[in-house]
Protein backbone atom coordinates (compact mmCIF):
# COMPACT_ATOMS: atom_id res chain seq x y z
CA UNK A 1 -18.71 20.14 47.78
CA UNK A 2 -19.72 17.26 50.12
CA UNK A 3 -17.33 14.38 50.75
CA UNK A 4 -20.04 11.92 49.58
CA UNK A 5 -20.38 13.68 46.22
CA UNK A 6 -16.43 13.61 45.77
CA UNK A 7 -16.44 9.88 46.62
CA UNK A 8 -19.10 9.19 43.91
CA UNK A 9 -17.21 11.36 41.42
CA UNK A 10 -13.98 9.49 42.04
CA UNK A 11 -15.73 6.12 41.72
CA UNK A 12 -17.48 7.26 38.47
CA UNK A 13 -14.15 8.45 37.09
CA UNK A 14 -12.29 5.31 38.01
CA UNK A 15 -15.06 3.26 36.40
CA UNK A 16 -14.86 5.25 33.17
CA UNK A 17 -11.10 4.85 33.02
CA UNK A 18 -11.30 1.19 33.68
CA UNK A 19 -13.92 0.77 30.93
CA UNK A 20 -11.80 2.72 28.45
CA UNK A 21 -8.76 0.73 29.03
CA UNK A 22 -10.71 -2.56 28.70
CA UNK A 23 -12.15 -1.32 25.39
CA UNK A 24 -8.80 -0.24 24.09
CA UNK A 25 -7.23 -3.53 25.20
CA UNK A 26 -9.87 -5.67 23.46
CA UNK A 27 -8.91 -4.34 19.99
CA UNK A 28 -6.05 -6.58 18.77
CA UNK A 29 -3.16 -4.91 17.02
CA UNK A 30 -2.69 -5.64 13.32
CA UNK A 31 -0.48 -8.55 12.58
CA UNK A 32 2.61 -8.08 10.46
CA UNK A 33 0.95 -10.04 7.69
CA UNK A 34 -2.10 -7.63 7.69
CA UNK A 35 0.13 -4.60 7.63
CA UNK A 36 2.02 -6.10 4.60
CA UNK A 37 -1.33 -6.95 2.99
CA UNK A 38 -2.56 -3.45 3.51
CA UNK A 39 0.63 -1.90 1.96
CA UNK A 40 0.35 -4.28 -0.96
CA UNK A 41 -3.26 -3.22 -1.62
CA UNK A 42 -2.32 0.60 -1.28
CA UNK A 43 0.38 -0.06 -3.80
CA UNK A 44 -1.99 -1.72 -6.25
CA UNK A 45 -4.34 1.25 -5.90
CA UNK A 46 -1.42 3.65 -6.61
CA UNK A 47 -0.54 1.66 -9.59
CA UNK A 48 -4.06 1.69 -10.89
CA UNK A 49 -4.22 5.46 -10.50
CA UNK A 50 -0.72 5.87 -12.11
CA UNK A 51 -1.88 3.93 -15.21
CA UNK A 52 -5.01 5.89 -15.83
CA UNK A 53 -4.73 7.37 -19.32
CA UNK A 54 -6.85 10.33 -18.73
CA UNK A 55 -5.88 11.93 -15.42
CA UNK A 56 -2.71 12.67 -13.48
CA UNK A 57 -3.34 12.11 -9.87
CA UNK A 58 -0.93 14.48 -8.06
CA UNK A 59 0.60 11.86 -5.76
CA UNK A 60 -2.47 11.14 -3.47
CA UNK A 61 -1.83 9.59 -0.20
CA UNK A 62 -3.36 6.02 -0.20
CA UNK A 63 -3.94 4.19 2.97
CA UNK A 64 -5.48 0.70 3.21
CA UNK A 65 -6.80 -1.17 6.15
CA UNK A 66 -8.46 -4.52 5.81
CA UNK A 67 -9.82 -3.64 2.25
CA UNK A 68 -10.87 -0.07 3.17
CA UNK A 69 -9.06 2.37 1.14
CA UNK A 70 -8.55 6.09 1.99
CA UNK A 71 -7.58 8.59 -0.70
CA UNK A 72 -6.31 12.04 0.31
CA UNK A 73 -4.51 14.85 -1.44
CA UNK A 74 -5.08 17.16 -4.37
CA UNK A 75 -6.34 16.65 -7.88
CA UNK A 76 -6.80 19.00 -10.75
CA UNK A 77 -10.49 18.72 -11.27
CA UNK A 78 -13.73 17.36 -9.86
CA UNK A 79 -14.07 14.64 -12.60
CA UNK A 80 -10.62 13.41 -11.39
CA UNK A 81 -12.09 12.82 -7.91
CA UNK A 82 -14.82 10.70 -9.50
CA UNK A 83 -12.37 8.88 -11.51
CA UNK A 84 -9.95 8.15 -8.69
CA UNK A 85 -12.71 6.75 -6.51
CA UNK A 86 -13.95 4.60 -9.43
CA UNK A 87 -10.48 3.32 -10.16
CA UNK A 88 -9.69 2.52 -6.60
CA UNK A 89 -12.95 0.66 -6.03
CA UNK A 90 -12.21 -1.59 -8.97
CA UNK A 91 -8.95 -2.86 -7.53
CA UNK A 92 -9.31 -6.38 -6.34
CA UNK A 93 -9.43 -6.57 -2.61
CA UNK A 94 -10.80 -3.11 -2.13
CA UNK A 95 -14.04 -3.18 -0.21
CA UNK A 96 -14.74 0.46 0.22
CA UNK A 97 -13.15 3.80 -0.65
CA UNK A 98 -13.12 6.87 1.53
CA UNK A 99 -12.44 9.78 -0.72
CA UNK A 100 -10.99 12.92 0.85
CA UNK A 101 -9.40 14.38 -2.31
CA UNK A 102 -9.67 18.12 -2.95
CA UNK A 103 -9.58 20.03 -6.20
CA UNK A 104 -6.59 22.40 -6.56
CA UNK A 105 -6.89 24.44 -9.74
CA UNK A 106 -3.35 26.03 -9.85
CA UNK A 107 0.05 25.49 -8.36
CA UNK A 108 1.46 28.07 -6.13
CA UNK A 109 3.15 29.65 -9.12
CA UNK A 110 -0.18 30.11 -10.83
CA UNK A 111 0.19 27.53 -13.46
CA UNK A 112 -1.87 24.45 -13.72
CA UNK A 113 -3.92 22.33 -16.07
CA UNK A 114 -7.17 20.57 -16.12
CA UNK A 115 -5.52 17.42 -14.95
CA UNK A 116 -5.98 15.57 -18.23
CA UNK A 117 -2.89 14.08 -19.69
């Protein structure tokens, strides 16, 4: 490899690292107030899911960030996924819902239900 090629490669790599660090540095960290607001919103979504009279949502993980809510975990049926997304989207302050819930038909012991209460 020629020394000229190595110099260009080093300069290119240094430029890429510099650009990456500037891009990362330009995203401000969330404030303590925003972190608290996100947790309050996640708690409100959890409460709304818990109070649903039709479905039992098997302790989904709920994360909120600036109004964007992410649901992950297992549910008993496909209609429960649709219901969870609908319920979460109706909570005041939620601007979007990312649904990554999965249907699990049975527990590891082979028992299970349709998810209806």
